[in-house]
């Protein structure tokens, strides 16, 4: 009986370990994907902000605007 119990215990432990490893791998992949998406969104928003700021600065300092402001 004890040998049978041991083999069942080992089988259960192995199955649990495999399931846990599988779940951990899935979680890690999901986290990595989420982080990648977050980084891409952050970089895109940053670049868009910089582009808008540059456009605003160049627009304000353009010769046409200076002339209009002078008049």
C-alpha atoms as a PDB file:
ATOM      1  CA  UNK A   1       0.000   0.000   0.000  1.00  0.00           C
ATOM      2  CA  UNK A   2       2.759   2.484   0.851  1.00  0.00           C
ATOM      3  CA  UNK A   3       4.499   1.941  -2.511  1.00  0.00           C
ATOM      4  CA  UNK A   4       1.242   2.584  -4.359  1.00  0.00           C
ATOM      5  CA  UNK A   5       0.641   5.695  -2.255  1.00  0.00           C
ATOM      6  CA  UNK A   6       4.155   6.931  -3.051  1.00  0.00           C
ATOM      7  CA  UNK A   7       3.729   6.470  -6.804  1.00  0.00           C
ATOM      8  CA  UNK A   8       0.339   8.239  -6.725  1.00  0.00           C
ATOM      9  CA  UNK A   9       1.884  11.063  -4.723  1.00  0.00           C
ATOM     10  CA  UNK A  10       4.736  11.371  -7.226  1.00  0.00           C
ATOM     11  CA  UNK A  11       2.303  11.356 -10.158  1.00  0.00           C
ATOM     12  CA  UNK A  12       0.159  14.045  -8.504  1.00  0.00           C
ATOM     13  CA  UNK A  13       3.209  16.150  -7.647  1.00  0.00           C
ATOM     14  CA  UNK A  14       4.533  15.892 -11.198  1.00  0.00           C
ATOM     15  CA  UNK A  15       1.148  16.855 -12.659  1.00  0.00           C
ATOM     16  CA  UNK A  16       0.856  19.821 -10.283  1.00  0.00           C
ATOM     17  CA  UNK A  17       4.390  20.987 -11.058  1.00  0.00           C
ATOM     18  CA  UNK A  18       3.761  20.741 -14.799  1.00  0.00           C
ATOM     19  CA  UNK A  19       0.490  22.684 -14.484  1.00  0.00           C
ATOM     20  CA  UNK A  20       2.156  25.360 -12.347  1.00  0.00           C
ATOM     21  CA  UNK A  21       5.071  25.702 -14.756  1.00  0.00           C
ATOM     22  CA  UNK A  22       2.661  25.984 -17.670  1.00  0.00           C
ATOM     23  CA  UNK A  23       0.611  28.660 -15.875  1.00  0.00           C
ATOM     24  CA  UNK A  24       3.772  30.570 -14.939  1.00  0.00           C
ATOM     25  CA  UNK A  25       5.008  30.493 -18.532  1.00  0.00           C
ATOM     26  CA  UNK A  26       1.651  31.805 -19.759  1.00  0.00           C
ATOM     27  CA  UNK A  27       1.679  34.574 -17.148  1.00  0.00           C
ATOM     28  CA  UNK A  28       5.249  35.548 -18.037  1.00  0.00           C
ATOM     29  CA  UNK A  29       4.402  35.690 -21.736  1.00  0.00           C
ATOM     30  CA  UNK A  30       1.310  37.796 -21.027  1.00  0.00           C
ATOM     31  CA  UNK A  31       3.288  40.147 -18.788  1.00  0.00           C
ATOM     32  CA  UNK A  32       6.026  40.515 -21.398  1.00  0.00           C
ATOM     33  CA  UNK A  33       3.457  41.239 -24.106  1.00  0.00           C
ATOM     34  CA  UNK A  34       1.704  43.783 -21.872  1.00  0.00           C
ATOM     35  CA  UNK A  35       5.009  45.486 -21.067  1.00  0.00           C
ATOM     36  CA  UNK A  36       5.970  45.568 -24.738  1.00  0.00           C
ATOM     37  CA  UNK A  37       2.630  47.150 -25.646  1.00  0.00           C
ATOM     38  CA  UNK A  38       2.990  49.652 -22.797  1.00  0.00           C
ATOM     39  CA  UNK A  39       6.498  50.601 -23.939  1.00  0.00           C
ATOM     40  CA  UNK A  40       5.357  51.007 -27.554  1.00  0.00           C
ATOM     41  CA  UNK A  41       2.410  53.179 -26.471  1.00  0.00           C
ATOM     42  CA  UNK A  42       4.652  55.294 -24.226  1.00  0.00           C
ATOM     43  CA  UNK A  43       7.231  55.835 -26.970  1.00  0.00           C
ATOM     44  CA  UNK A  44       4.522  56.670 -29.515  1.00  0.00           C
ATOM     45  CA  UNK A  45       2.859  59.180 -27.189  1.00  0.00           C
ATOM     46  CA  UNK A  46       6.238  60.723 -26.346  1.00  0.00           C
ATOM     47  CA  UNK A  47       7.153  61.094 -30.013  1.00  0.00           C
ATOM     48  CA  UNK A  48       3.733  62.581 -30.772  1.00  0.00           C
ATOM     49  CA  UNK A  49       4.163  65.093 -27.933  1.00  0.00           C
ATOM     50  CA  UNK A  50       7.625  66.065 -29.150  1.00  0.00           C
ATOM     51  CA  UNK A  51       6.348  66.427 -32.719  1.00  0.00           C
ATOM     52  CA  UNK A  52       3.500  68.677 -31.562  1.00  0.00           C
ATOM     53  CA  UNK A  53       5.876  70.772 -29.459  1.00  0.00           C
ATOM     54  CA  UNK A  54       8.305  71.175 -32.366  1.00  0.00           C
ATOM     55  CA  UNK A  55       5.475  72.050 -34.721  1.00  0.00           C
ATOM     56  CA  UNK A  56       4.222  74.659 -32.237  1.00  0.00           C
ATOM     57  CA  UNK A  57       7.682  76.149 -31.712  1.00  0.00           C
ATOM     58  CA  UNK A  58       8.450  76.345 -35.430  1.00  0.00           C
ATOM     59  CA  UNK A  59       4.993  77.746 -36.122  1.00  0.00           C
ATOM     60  CA  UNK A  60       5.334  80.473 -33.497  1.00  0.00           C
ATOM     61  CA  UNK A  61       8.802  81.499 -34.708  1.00  0.00           C
ATOM     62  CA  UNK A  62       8.079  81.374 -38.436  1.00  0.00           C
ATOM     63  CA  UNK A  63       8.652  84.607 -40.426  1.00  0.00           C
ATOM     64  CA  UNK A  64       4.967  84.868 -41.406  1.00  0.00           C
ATOM     65  CA  UNK A  65       3.915  84.836 -37.765  1.00  0.00           C
ATOM     66  CA  UNK A  66       6.600  87.360 -36.869  1.00  0.00           C
ATOM     67  CA  UNK A  67       5.351  89.670 -39.630  1.00  0.00           C
ATOM     68  CA  UNK A  68       1.749  89.258 -38.503  1.00  0.00           C
ATOM     69  CA  UNK A  69       2.745  89.995 -34.919  1.00  0.00           C
ATOM     70  CA  UNK A  70       4.697  93.067 -36.040  1.00  0.00           C
ATOM     71  CA  UNK A  71       1.630  94.461 -37.830  1.00  0.00           C
END
